[in-house]
Amino acid sequence: AEGEGEGEEKKDGGVLFYVNRSGFPIESLTWERMWTHVATAHPEGQEMVDRIRNAAYLPKHSVPSLPNFRPSMSVPDWLLAVQNYMKTLQYNHTGTQFFEVKKSRPLCG
């Protein structure tokens, strides 16, 4: 059996991802696991983690503005607005799944 919060599969002897089962706010153990994962997975490793964690100032990342939907929009225009918005989002892998996904449960209901 795997330890609390570990992913279901392993890759190269390590955990693919952890699952945060404690909810929010995130516990310090979960934060430390995320930083350890980043130090292992990121090309700059622990140096990059130390730079971020010891920084006196970190610039804010830009947040894309939400699309402006109007009731008169056609479905293709609405989908294009959603797709353009999604293209502006960036991937931010933390190595932690923030909520548990049970494969045996339905998507809704």
PDB file of N, CA and C in Angstrom:
ATOM      1  N   ALA A   1       0.850  -1.192   0.000  1.00  0.00           N
ATOM      2  CA  ALA A   1       0.000   0.000   0.000  1.00  0.00           C
ATOM      3  C   ALA A   1       0.877   1.230   0.000  1.00  0.00           C
ATOM      4  N   GLU A   2       0.413   2.238  -0.705  1.00  0.00           N
ATOM      5  CA  GLU A   2       1.190   3.469  -0.787  1.00  0.00           C
ATOM      6  C   GLU A   2       0.880   4.356   0.396  1.00  0.00           C
ATOM      7  N   GLY A   3       1.800   5.304   0.678  1.00  0.00           N
ATOM      8  CA  GLY A   3       1.623   6.213   1.793  1.00  0.00           C
ATOM      9  C   GLY A   3       0.483   7.188   1.560  1.00  0.00           C
ATOM     10  N   GLU A   4       0.060   7.825   2.602  1.00  0.00           N
ATOM     11  CA  GLU A   4      -1.027   8.808   2.552  1.00  0.00           C
ATOM     12  C   GLU A   4      -0.725   9.879   1.521  1.00  0.00           C
ATOM     13  N   GLY A   5      -1.638  10.117   0.609  1.00  0.00           N
ATOM     14  CA  GLY A   5      -1.514  11.200  -0.343  1.00  0.00           C
ATOM     15  C   GLY A   5      -0.701  10.882  -1.576  1.00  0.00           C
ATOM     16  N   GLU A   6      -0.152   9.703  -1.706  1.00  0.00           N
ATOM     17  CA  GLU A   6       0.659   9.399  -2.861  1.00  0.00           C
ATOM     18  C   GLU A   6      -0.211   9.039  -4.046  1.00  0.00           C
ATOM     19  N   GLY A   7       0.335   9.237  -5.245  1.00  0.00           N
ATOM     20  CA  GLY A   7      -0.388   8.911  -6.460  1.00  0.00           C
ATOM     21  C   GLY A   7      -0.568   7.420  -6.605  1.00  0.00           C
ATOM     22  N   GLU A   8      -1.408   7.040  -7.557  1.00  0.00           N
ATOM     23  CA  GLU A   8      -1.719   5.632  -7.731  1.00  0.00           C
ATOM     24  C   GLU A   8      -0.627   4.881  -8.503  1.00  0.00           C
ATOM     25  N   GLU A   9       0.119   5.596  -9.310  1.00  0.00           N
ATOM     26  CA  GLU A   9       1.148   4.937 -10.101  1.00  0.00           C
ATOM     27  C   GLU A   9       2.495   5.556  -9.792  1.00  0.00           C
ATOM     28  N   LYS A  10       3.543   4.822 -10.081  1.00  0.00           N
ATOM     29  CA  LYS A  10       4.886   5.348  -9.866  1.00  0.00           C
ATOM     30  C   LYS A  10       5.635   5.367 -11.182  1.00  0.00           C
ATOM     31  N   LYS A  11       6.550   6.314 -11.311  1.00  0.00           N
ATOM     32  CA  LYS A  11       7.323   6.478 -12.529  1.00  0.00           C
ATOM     33  C   LYS A  11       8.780   6.683 -12.125  1.00  0.00           C
ATOM     34  N   ASP A  12       9.664   5.952 -12.730  1.00  0.00           N
ATOM     35  CA  ASP A  12      11.090   6.059 -12.424  1.00  0.00           C
ATOM     36  C   ASP A  12      11.357   5.966 -10.926  1.00  0.00           C
ATOM     37  N   GLY A  13      10.596   5.122 -10.223  1.00  0.00           N
ATOM     38  CA  GLY A  13      10.810   4.944  -8.803  1.00  0.00           C
ATOM     39  C   GLY A  13      10.201   6.035  -7.940  1.00  0.00           C
ATOM     40  N   GLY A  14       9.582   7.049  -8.552  1.00  0.00           N
ATOM     41  CA  GLY A  14       8.996   8.144  -7.786  1.00  0.00           C
ATOM     42  C   GLY A  14       7.498   8.232  -8.010  1.00  0.00           C
ATOM     43  N   VAL A  15       6.876   9.113  -7.294  1.00  0.00           N
ATOM     44  CA  VAL A  15       5.429   9.292  -7.368  1.00  0.00           C
ATOM     45  C   VAL A  15       5.102  10.204  -8.542  1.00  0.00           C
ATOM     46  N   LEU A  16       4.096   9.835  -9.339  1.00  0.00           N
ATOM     47  CA  LEU A  16       3.660  10.692 -10.437  1.00  0.00           C
ATOM     48  C   LEU A  16       3.066  11.989  -9.908  1.00  0.00           C
ATOM     49  N   PHE A  17       2.245  11.888  -8.892  1.00  0.00           N
ATOM     50  CA  PHE A  17       1.648  13.062  -8.269  1.00  0.00           C
ATOM     51  C   PHE A  17       1.127  12.683  -6.894  1.00  0.00           C
ATOM     52  N   TYR A  18       0.910  13.691  -6.066  1.00  0.00           N
ATOM     53  CA  TYR A  18       0.320  13.497  -4.754  1.00  0.00           C
ATOM     54  C   TYR A  18      -1.111  13.998  -4.796  1.00  0.00           C
ATOM     55  N   VAL A  19      -1.909  13.533  -3.865  1.00  0.00           N
ATOM     56  CA  VAL A  19      -3.288  13.993  -3.744  1.00  0.00           C
ATOM     57  C   VAL A  19      -3.423  14.695  -2.399  1.00  0.00           C
ATOM     58  N   ASN A  20      -3.918  15.925  -2.433  1.00  0.00           N
ATOM     59  CA  ASN A  20      -4.179  16.673  -1.218  1.00  0.00           C
ATOM     60  C   ASN A  20      -5.521  16.224  -0.668  1.00  0.00           C
ATOM     61  N   ARG A  21      -5.507  15.410   0.352  1.00  0.00           N
ATOM     62  CA  ARG A  21      -6.752  14.896   0.927  1.00  0.00           C
ATOM     63  C   ARG A  21      -7.215  15.710   2.134  1.00  0.00           C
ATOM     64  N   SER A  22      -6.406  16.672   2.559  1.00  0.00           N
ATOM     65  CA  SER A  22      -6.753  17.432   3.764  1.00  0.00           C
ATOM     66  C   SER A  22      -7.585  18.664   3.463  1.00  0.00           C
ATOM     67  N   GLY A  23      -7.783  18.992   2.190  1.00  0.00           N
ATOM     68  CA  GLY A  23      -8.601  20.153   1.840  1.00  0.00           C
ATOM     69  C   GLY A  23      -7.831  21.461   1.964  1.00  0.00           C
ATOM     70  N   PHE A  24      -8.588  22.543   2.133  1.00  0.00           N
ATOM     71  CA  PHE A  24      -8.000  23.880   2.214  1.00  0.00           C
ATOM     72  C   PHE A  24      -8.265  24.459   3.590  1.00  0.00           C
ATOM     73  N   PRO A  25      -7.391  25.258   4.163  1.00  0.00           N
ATOM     74  CA  PRO A  25      -6.102  25.654   3.610  1.00  0.00           C
ATOM     75  C   PRO A  25      -5.145  24.458   3.542  1.00  0.00           C
ATOM     76  N   ILE A  26      -4.201  24.545   2.642  1.00  0.00           N
ATOM     77  CA  ILE A  26      -3.257  23.458   2.416  1.00  0.00           C
ATOM     78  C   ILE A  26      -2.309  23.343   3.602  1.00  0.00           C
ATOM     79  N   GLU A  27      -2.148  22.132   4.108  1.00  0.00           N
ATOM     80  CA  GLU A  27      -1.272  21.883   5.250  1.00  0.00           C
ATOM     81  C   GLU A  27       0.192  22.037   4.850  1.00  0.00           C
ATOM     82  N   SER A  28       1.038  22.312   5.829  1.00  0.00           N
ATOM     83  CA  SER A  28       2.460  22.524   5.561  1.00  0.00           C
ATOM     84  C   SER A  28       3.122  21.276   4.968  1.00  0.00           C
ATOM     85  N   LEU A  29       2.698  20.082   5.373  1.00  0.00           N
ATOM     86  CA  LEU A  29       3.257  18.850   4.811  1.00  0.00           C
ATOM     87  C   LEU A  29       3.007  18.788   3.297  1.00  0.00           C
ATOM     88  N   THR A  30       1.809  19.181   2.883  1.00  0.00           N
ATOM     89  CA  THR A  30       1.471  19.172   1.455  1.00  0.00           C
ATOM     90  C   THR A  30       2.327  20.180   0.703  1.00  0.00           C
ATOM     91  N   TRP A  31       2.509  21.379   1.257  1.00  0.00           N
ATOM     92  CA  TRP A  31       3.362  22.385   0.621  1.00  0.00           C
ATOM     93  C   TRP A  31       4.788  21.849   0.457  1.00  0.00           C
ATOM     94  N   GLU A  32       5.306  21.224   1.500  1.00  0.00           N
ATOM     95  CA  GLU A  32       6.678  20.701   1.428  1.00  0.00           C
ATOM     96  C   GLU A  32       6.800  19.612   0.373  1.00  0.00           C
ATOM     97  N   ARG A  33       5.784  18.752   0.261  1.00  0.00           N
ATOM     98  CA  ARG A  33       5.800  17.721  -0.790  1.00  0.00           C
ATOM     99  C   ARG A  33       5.810  18.368  -2.165  1.00  0.00           C
ATOM    100  N   MET A  34       5.033  19.450  -2.336  1.00  0.00           N
ATOM    101  CA  MET A  34       5.013  20.141  -3.630  1.00  0.00           C
ATOM    102  C   MET A  34       6.390  20.709  -3.956  1.00  0.00           C
ATOM    103  N   TRP A  35       7.017  21.373  -2.986  1.00  0.00           N
ATOM    104  CA  TRP A  35       8.334  21.952  -3.233  1.00  0.00           C
ATOM    105  C   TRP A  35       9.369  20.859  -3.529  1.00  0.00           C
ATOM    106  N   THR A  36       9.288  19.742  -2.833  1.00  0.00           N
ATOM    107  CA  THR A  36      10.213  18.633  -3.082  1.00  0.00           C
ATOM    108  C   THR A  36      10.012  18.084  -4.487  1.00  0.00           C
ATOM    109  N   HIS A  37       8.761  17.953  -4.902  1.00  0.00           N
ATOM    110  CA  HIS A  37       8.462  17.479  -6.255  1.00  0.00           C
ATOM    111  C   HIS A  37       9.039  18.441  -7.293  1.00  0.00           C
ATOM    112  N   VAL A  38       8.838  19.739  -7.090  1.00  0.00           N
ATOM    113  CA  VAL A  38       9.340  20.736  -8.038  1.00  0.00           C
ATOM    114  C   VAL A  38      10.863  20.675  -8.108  1.00  0.00           C
ATOM    115  N   ALA A  39      11.515  20.550  -6.959  1.00  0.00           N
ATOM    116  CA  ALA A  39      12.982  20.487  -6.936  1.00  0.00           C
ATOM    117  C   ALA A  39      13.490  19.276  -7.708  1.00  0.00           C
ATOM    118  N   THR A  40      12.722  18.205  -7.711  1.00  0.00           N
ATOM    119  CA  THR A  40      13.109  16.988  -8.426  1.00  0.00           C
ATOM    120  C   THR A  40      12.775  17.083  -9.911  1.00  0.00           C
ATOM    121  N   ALA A  41      11.629  17.654 -10.240  1.00  0.00           N
ATOM    122  CA  ALA A  41      11.135  17.639 -11.614  1.00  0.00           C
ATOM    123  C   ALA A  41      11.638  18.799 -12.471  1.00  0.00           C
ATOM    124  N   HIS A  42      11.913  19.945 -11.874  1.00  0.00           N
ATOM    125  CA  HIS A  42      12.298  21.129 -12.647  1.00  0.00           C
ATOM    126  C   HIS A  42      13.759  21.050 -13.064  1.00  0.00           C
ATOM    127  N   PRO A  43      14.077  21.494 -14.281  1.00  0.00           N
ATOM    128  CA  PRO A  43      15.480  21.430 -14.741  1.00  0.00           C
ATOM    129  C   PRO A  43      16.460  22.177 -13.833  1.00  0.00           C
ATOM    130  N   GLU A  44      16.030  23.271 -13.210  1.00  0.00           N
ATOM    131  CA  GLU A  44      16.924  24.031 -12.331  1.00  0.00           C
ATOM    132  C   GLU A  44      16.888  23.522 -10.896  1.00  0.00           C
ATOM    133  N   GLY A  45      16.018  22.570 -10.633  1.00  0.00           N
ATOM    134  CA  GLY A  45      15.975  21.865  -9.356  1.00  0.00           C
ATOM    135  C   GLY A  45      15.903  22.725  -8.115  1.00  0.00           C
ATOM    136  N   GLN A  46      16.673  22.327  -7.115  1.00  0.00           N
ATOM    137  CA  GLN A  46      16.630  22.976  -5.805  1.00  0.00           C
ATOM    138  C   GLN A  46      17.035  24.441  -5.868  1.00  0.00           C
ATOM    139  N   GLU A  47      17.929  24.801  -6.805  1.00  0.00           N
ATOM    140  CA  GLU A  47      18.331  26.211  -6.941  1.00  0.00           C
ATOM    141  C   GLU A  47      17.128  27.092  -7.229  1.00  0.00           C
ATOM    142  N   MET A  48      16.274  26.641  -8.139  1.00  0.00           N
ATOM    143  CA  MET A  48      15.090  27.402  -8.497  1.00  0.00           C
ATOM    144  C   MET A  48      14.138  27.489  -7.312  1.00  0.00           C
ATOM    145  N   VAL A  49      13.950  26.385  -6.595  1.00  0.00           N
ATOM    146  CA  VAL A  49      13.080  26.380  -5.419  1.00  0.00           C
ATOM    147  C   VAL A  49      13.597  27.374  -4.385  1.00  0.00           C
ATOM    148  N   ASP A  50      14.893  27.352  -4.111  1.00  0.00           N
ATOM    149  CA  ASP A  50      15.480  28.271  -3.138  1.00  0.00           C
ATOM    150  C   ASP A  50      15.316  29.726  -3.568  1.00  0.00           C
ATOM    151  N   ARG A  51      15.499  30.001  -4.853  1.00  0.00           N
ATOM    152  CA  ARG A  51      15.329  31.372  -5.357  1.00  0.00           C
ATOM    153  C   ARG A  51      13.916  31.883  -5.099  1.00  0.00           C
ATOM    154  N   ILE A  52      12.934  31.042  -5.366  1.00  0.00           N
ATOM    155  CA  ILE A  52      11.540  31.457  -5.178  1.00  0.00           C
ATOM    156  C   ILE A  52      11.207  31.577  -3.694  1.00  0.00           C
ATOM    157  N   ARG A  53      11.565  30.577  -2.928  1.00  0.00           N
ATOM    158  CA  ARG A  53      11.185  30.572  -1.509  1.00  0.00           C
ATOM    159  C   ARG A  53      11.901  31.651  -0.709  1.00  0.00           C
ATOM    160  N   ASN A  54      13.081  32.081  -1.155  1.00  0.00           N
ATOM    161  CA  ASN A  54      13.847  33.093  -0.425  1.00  0.00           C
ATOM    162  C   ASN A  54      13.706  34.488  -1.024  1.00  0.00           C
ATOM    163  N   ALA A  55      12.899  34.629  -2.048  1.00  0.00           N
ATOM    164  CA  ALA A  55      12.746  35.927  -2.703  1.00  0.00           C
ATOM    165  C   ALA A  55      11.993  36.904  -1.802  1.00  0.00           C
ATOM    166  N   ALA A  56      12.495  38.131  -1.744  1.00  0.00           N
ATOM    167  CA  ALA A  56      11.814  39.172  -0.970  1.00  0.00           C
ATOM    168  C   ALA A  56      10.601  39.684  -1.731  1.00  0.00           C
ATOM    169  N   TYR A  57      10.664  39.624  -3.054  1.00  0.00           N
ATOM    170  CA  TYR A  57       9.578  40.132  -3.887  1.00  0.00           C
ATOM    171  C   TYR A  57       9.394  39.190  -5.078  1.00  0.00           C
ATOM    172  N   LEU A  58       8.168  38.781  -5.320  1.00  0.00           N
ATOM    173  CA  LEU A  58       7.849  37.980  -6.502  1.00  0.00           C
ATOM    174  C   LEU A  58       6.814  38.750  -7.326  1.00  0.00           C
ATOM    175  N   PRO A  59       7.097  38.958  -8.606  1.00  0.00           N
ATOM    176  CA  PRO A  59       6.132  39.701  -9.426  1.00  0.00           C
ATOM    177  C   PRO A  59       4.833  38.919  -9.575  1.00  0.00           C
ATOM    178  N   LYS A  60       3.730  39.646  -9.683  1.00  0.00           N
ATOM    179  CA  LYS A  60       2.440  38.997  -9.896  1.00  0.00           C
ATOM    180  C   LYS A  60       2.350  38.552 -11.343  1.00  0.00           C
ATOM    181  N   HIS A  61       1.789  37.374 -11.528  1.00  0.00           N
ATOM    182  CA  HIS A  61       1.567  36.876 -12.877  1.00  0.00           C
ATOM    183  C   HIS A  61       0.302  37.501 -13.427  1.00  0.00           C
ATOM    184  N   SER A  62       0.306  37.712 -14.721  1.00  0.00           N
ATOM    185  CA  SER A  62      -0.886  38.290 -15.330  1.00  0.00           C
ATOM    186  C   SER A  62      -2.007  37.251 -15.331  1.00  0.00           C
ATOM    187  N   VAL A  63      -3.206  37.730 -15.165  1.00  0.00           N
ATOM    188  CA  VAL A  63      -4.388  36.875 -15.187  1.00  0.00           C
ATOM    189  C   VAL A  63      -5.224  37.314 -16.383  1.00  0.00           C
ATOM    190  N   PRO A  64      -5.479  36.404 -17.309  1.00  0.00           N
ATOM    191  CA  PRO A  64      -6.248  36.812 -18.497  1.00  0.00           C
ATOM    192  C   PRO A  64      -7.661  37.225 -18.121  1.00  0.00           C
ATOM    193  N   SER A  65      -8.166  38.227 -18.830  1.00  0.00           N
ATOM    194  CA  SER A  65      -9.529  38.683 -18.540  1.00  0.00           C
ATOM    195  C   SER A  65     -10.533  37.695 -19.132  1.00  0.00           C
ATOM    196  N   LEU A  66     -11.641  37.557 -18.445  1.00  0.00           N
ATOM    197  CA  LEU A  66     -12.689  36.638 -18.890  1.00  0.00           C
ATOM    198  C   LEU A  66     -13.333  37.158 -20.170  1.00  0.00           C
ATOM    199  N   PRO A  67     -13.764  36.252 -21.026  1.00  0.00           N
ATOM    200  CA  PRO A  67     -14.447  36.698 -22.250  1.00  0.00           C
ATOM    201  C   PRO A  67     -15.773  37.368 -21.902  1.00  0.00           C
ATOM    202  N   ASN A  68     -16.181  38.269 -22.758  1.00  0.00           N
ATOM    203  CA  ASN A  68     -17.435  38.989 -22.562  1.00  0.00           C
ATOM    204  C   ASN A  68     -18.520  38.295 -23.387  1.00  0.00           C
ATOM    205  N   PHE A  69     -19.415  37.616 -22.713  1.00  0.00           N
ATOM    206  CA  PHE A  69     -20.483  36.895 -23.402  1.00  0.00           C
ATOM    207  C   PHE A  69     -21.744  37.749 -23.445  1.00  0.00           C
ATOM    208  N   ARG A  70     -22.415  37.704 -24.577  1.00  0.00           N
ATOM    209  CA  ARG A  70     -23.682  38.393 -24.748  1.00  0.00           C
ATOM    210  C   ARG A  70     -24.742  37.367 -25.136  1.00  0.00           C
ATOM    211  N   PRO A  71     -25.978  37.552 -24.702  1.00  0.00           N
ATOM    212  CA  PRO A  71     -27.037  36.593 -25.052  1.00  0.00           C
ATOM    213  C   PRO A  71     -27.227  36.448 -26.566  1.00  0.00           C
ATOM    214  N   SER A  72     -26.875  37.483 -27.320  1.00  0.00           N
ATOM    215  CA  SER A  72     -27.086  37.443 -28.774  1.00  0.00           C
ATOM    216  C   SER A  72     -25.977  36.695 -29.523  1.00  0.00           C
ATOM    217  N   MET A  73     -24.931  36.252 -28.813  1.00  0.00           N
ATOM    218  CA  MET A  73     -23.808  35.586 -29.485  1.00  0.00           C
ATOM    219  C   MET A  73     -24.237  34.241 -30.052  1.00  0.00           C
ATOM    220  N   SER A  74     -23.711  33.929 -31.216  1.00  0.00           N
ATOM    221  CA  SER A  74     -23.960  32.613 -31.797  1.00  0.00           C
ATOM    222  C   SER A  74     -23.099  31.583 -31.072  1.00  0.00           C
ATOM    223  N   VAL A  75     -23.454  30.330 -31.219  1.00  0.00           N
ATOM    224  CA  VAL A  75     -22.687  29.259 -30.575  1.00  0.00           C
ATOM    225  C   VAL A  75     -21.243  29.254 -31.084  1.00  0.00           C
ATOM    226  N   PRO A  76     -20.997  29.365 -32.410  1.00  0.00           N
ATOM    227  CA  PRO A  76     -19.600  29.400 -32.865  1.00  0.00           C
ATOM    228  C   PRO A  76     -18.812  30.573 -32.277  1.00  0.00           C
ATOM    229  N   ASP A  77     -19.431  31.756 -32.156  1.00  0.00           N
ATOM    230  CA  ASP A  77     -18.734  32.907 -31.565  1.00  0.00           C
ATOM    231  C   ASP A  77     -18.450  32.668 -30.088  1.00  0.00           C
ATOM    232  N   TRP A  78     -19.412  32.062 -29.397  1.00  0.00           N
ATOM    233  CA  TRP A  78     -19.249  31.768 -27.981  1.00  0.00           C
ATOM    234  C   TRP A  78     -18.099  30.779 -27.794  1.00  0.00           C
ATOM    235  N   LEU A  79     -18.074  29.720 -28.600  1.00  0.00           N
ATOM    236  CA  LEU A  79     -17.004  28.719 -28.505  1.00  0.00           C
ATOM    237  C   LEU A  79     -15.649  29.330 -28.832  1.00  0.00           C
ATOM    238  N   LEU A  80     -15.607  30.212 -29.832  1.00  0.00           N
ATOM    239  CA  LEU A  80     -14.350  30.873 -30.190  1.00  0.00           C
ATOM    240  C   LEU A  80     -13.846  31.725 -29.024  1.00  0.00           C
ATOM    241  N   ALA A  81     -14.757  32.425 -28.349  1.00  0.00           N
ATOM    242  CA  ALA A  81     -14.369  33.232 -27.192  1.00  0.00           C
ATOM    243  C   ALA A  81     -13.798  32.347 -26.083  1.00  0.00           C
ATOM    244  N   VAL A  82     -14.429  31.208 -25.839  1.00  0.00           N
ATOM    245  CA  VAL A  82     -13.946  30.275 -24.811  1.00  0.00           C
ATOM    246  C   VAL A  82     -12.579  29.712 -25.210  1.00  0.00           C
ATOM    247  N   GLN A  83     -12.442  29.308 -26.468  1.00  0.00           N
ATOM    248  CA  GLN A  83     -11.169  28.751 -26.943  1.00  0.00           C
ATOM    249  C   GLN A  83     -10.049  29.779 -26.856  1.00  0.00           C
ATOM    250  N   ASN A  84     -10.315  31.016 -27.244  1.00  0.00           N
ATOM    251  CA  ASN A  84      -9.288  32.062 -27.164  1.00  0.00           C
ATOM    252  C   ASN A  84      -8.875  32.321 -25.723  1.00  0.00           C
ATOM    253  N   TYR A  85      -9.857  32.291 -24.819  1.00  0.00           N
ATOM    254  CA  TYR A  85      -9.542  32.460 -23.402  1.00  0.00           C
ATOM    255  C   TYR A  85      -8.656  31.316 -22.914  1.00  0.00           C
ATOM    256  N   MET A  86      -9.018  30.092 -23.270  1.00  0.00           N
ATOM    257  CA  MET A  86      -8.247  28.929 -22.825  1.00  0.00           C
ATOM    258  C   MET A  86      -6.832  28.947 -23.379  1.00  0.00           C
ATOM    259  N   LYS A  87      -6.642  29.495 -24.563  1.00  0.00           N
ATOM    260  CA  LYS A  87      -5.293  29.594 -25.148  1.00  0.00           C
ATOM    261  C   LYS A  87      -4.399  30.532 -24.342  1.00  0.00           C
ATOM    262  N   THR A  88      -5.003  31.501 -23.638  1.00  0.00           N
ATOM    263  CA  THR A  88      -4.199  32.447 -22.862  1.00  0.00           C
ATOM    264  C   THR A  88      -3.774  31.882 -21.512  1.00  0.00           C
ATOM    265  N   LEU A  89      -4.410  30.792 -21.079  1.00  0.00           N
ATOM    266  CA  LEU A  89      -4.052  30.188 -19.801  1.00  0.00           C
ATOM    267  C   LEU A  89      -2.714  29.467 -19.928  1.00  0.00           C
ATOM    268  N   GLN A  90      -1.982  29.386 -18.825  1.00  0.00           N
ATOM    269  CA  GLN A  90      -0.696  28.708 -18.822  1.00  0.00           C
ATOM    270  C   GLN A  90      -0.740  27.515 -17.885  1.00  0.00           C
ATOM    271  N   TYR A  91       0.043  26.509 -18.217  1.00  0.00           N
ATOM    272  CA  TYR A  91       0.128  25.297 -17.412  1.00  0.00           C
ATOM    273  C   TYR A  91       0.975  25.578 -16.179  1.00  0.00           C
ATOM    274  N   ASN A  92       0.507  25.155 -15.033  1.00  0.00           N
ATOM    275  CA  ASN A  92       1.224  25.381 -13.784  1.00  0.00           C
ATOM    276  C   ASN A  92       1.224  24.084 -12.990  1.00  0.00           C
ATOM    277  N   HIS A  93       2.125  23.183 -13.318  1.00  0.00           N
ATOM    278  CA  HIS A  93       2.149  21.867 -12.673  1.00  0.00           C
ATOM    279  C   HIS A  93       2.794  21.954 -11.302  1.00  0.00           C
ATOM    280  N   THR A  94       2.074  21.549 -10.288  1.00  0.00           N
ATOM    281  CA  THR A  94       2.601  21.576  -8.922  1.00  0.00           C
ATOM    282  C   THR A  94       2.964  20.191  -8.422  1.00  0.00           C
ATOM    283  N   GLY A  95       2.543  19.157  -9.160  1.00  0.00           N
ATOM    284  CA  GLY A  95       2.801  17.806  -8.690  1.00  0.00           C
ATOM    285  C   GLY A  95       1.798  17.356  -7.645  1.00  0.00           C
ATOM    286  N   THR A  96       0.809  18.194  -7.379  1.00  0.00           N
ATOM    287  CA  THR A  96      -0.218  17.856  -6.389  1.00  0.00           C
ATOM    288  C   THR A  96      -1.592  18.054  -6.996  1.00  0.00           C
ATOM    289  N   GLN A  97      -2.414  17.078  -6.834  1.00  0.00           N
ATOM    290  CA  GLN A  97      -3.808  17.171  -7.242  1.00  0.00           C
ATOM    291  C   GLN A  97      -4.546  17.738  -6.034  1.00  0.00           C
ATOM    292  N   PHE A  98      -5.241  18.870  -6.204  1.00  0.00           N
ATOM    293  CA  PHE A  98      -5.808  19.562  -5.051  1.00  0.00           C
ATOM    294  C   PHE A  98      -7.120  18.991  -4.551  1.00  0.00           C
ATOM    295  N   PHE A  99      -7.673  18.052  -5.258  1.00  0.00           N
ATOM    296  CA  PHE A  99      -8.853  17.357  -4.763  1.00  0.00           C
ATOM    297  C   PHE A  99      -8.801  15.935  -5.263  1.00  0.00           C
ATOM    298  N   GLU A 100      -9.406  15.064  -4.522  1.00  0.00           N
ATOM    299  CA  GLU A 100      -9.354  13.649  -4.843  1.00  0.00           C
ATOM    300  C   GLU A 100     -10.363  13.312  -5.942  1.00  0.00           C
ATOM    301  N   VAL A 101      -9.918  12.579  -6.947  1.00  0.00           N
ATOM    302  CA  VAL A 101     -10.787  12.134  -8.024  1.00  0.00           C
ATOM    303  C   VAL A 101     -10.926  10.623  -7.884  1.00  0.00           C
ATOM    304  N   LYS A 102     -12.128  10.166  -7.622  1.00  0.00           N
ATOM    305  CA  LYS A 102     -12.369   8.743  -7.488  1.00  0.00           C
ATOM    306  C   LYS A 102     -12.897   8.225  -8.816  1.00  0.00           C
ATOM    307  N   LYS A 103     -12.159   7.332  -9.429  1.00  0.00           N
ATOM    308  CA  LYS A 103     -12.518   6.825 -10.743  1.00  0.00           C
ATOM    309  C   LYS A 103     -13.805   6.009 -10.721  1.00  0.00           C
ATOM    310  N   SER A 104     -14.189   5.535  -9.565  1.00  0.00           N
ATOM    311  CA  SER A 104     -15.389   4.716  -9.473  1.00  0.00           C
ATOM    312  C   SER A 104     -16.662   5.553  -9.340  1.00  0.00           C
ATOM    313  N   ARG A 105     -16.504   6.863  -9.173  1.00  0.00           N
ATOM    314  CA  ARG A 105     -17.668   7.744  -9.021  1.00  0.00           C
ATOM    315  C   ARG A 105     -18.048   8.362 -10.342  1.00  0.00           C
ATOM    316  N   PRO A 106     -19.348   8.651 -10.551  1.00  0.00           N
ATOM    317  CA  PRO A 106     -19.765   9.305 -11.789  1.00  0.00           C
ATOM    318  C   PRO A 106     -19.268  10.750 -11.843  1.00  0.00           C
ATOM    319  N   LEU A 107     -19.251  11.342 -13.036  1.00  0.00           N
ATOM    320  CA  LEU A 107     -18.814  12.710 -13.190  1.00  0.00           C
ATOM    321  C   LEU A 107     -19.785  13.697 -12.543  1.00  0.00           C
ATOM    322  N   CYS A 108     -21.063  13.350 -12.535  1.00  0.00           N
ATOM    323  CA  CYS A 108     -22.061  14.241 -11.933  1.00  0.00           C
ATOM    324  C   CYS A 108     -23.115  13.396 -11.233  1.00  0.00           C
ATOM    325  N   GLY A 109     -23.895  14.068 -10.414  1.00  0.00           N
ATOM    326  CA  GLY A 109     -24.998  13.358  -9.766  1.00  0.00           C
ATOM    327  C   GLY A 109     -24.809  13.104  -8.320  1.00  0.00           C
TER     328      GLY A 109
END
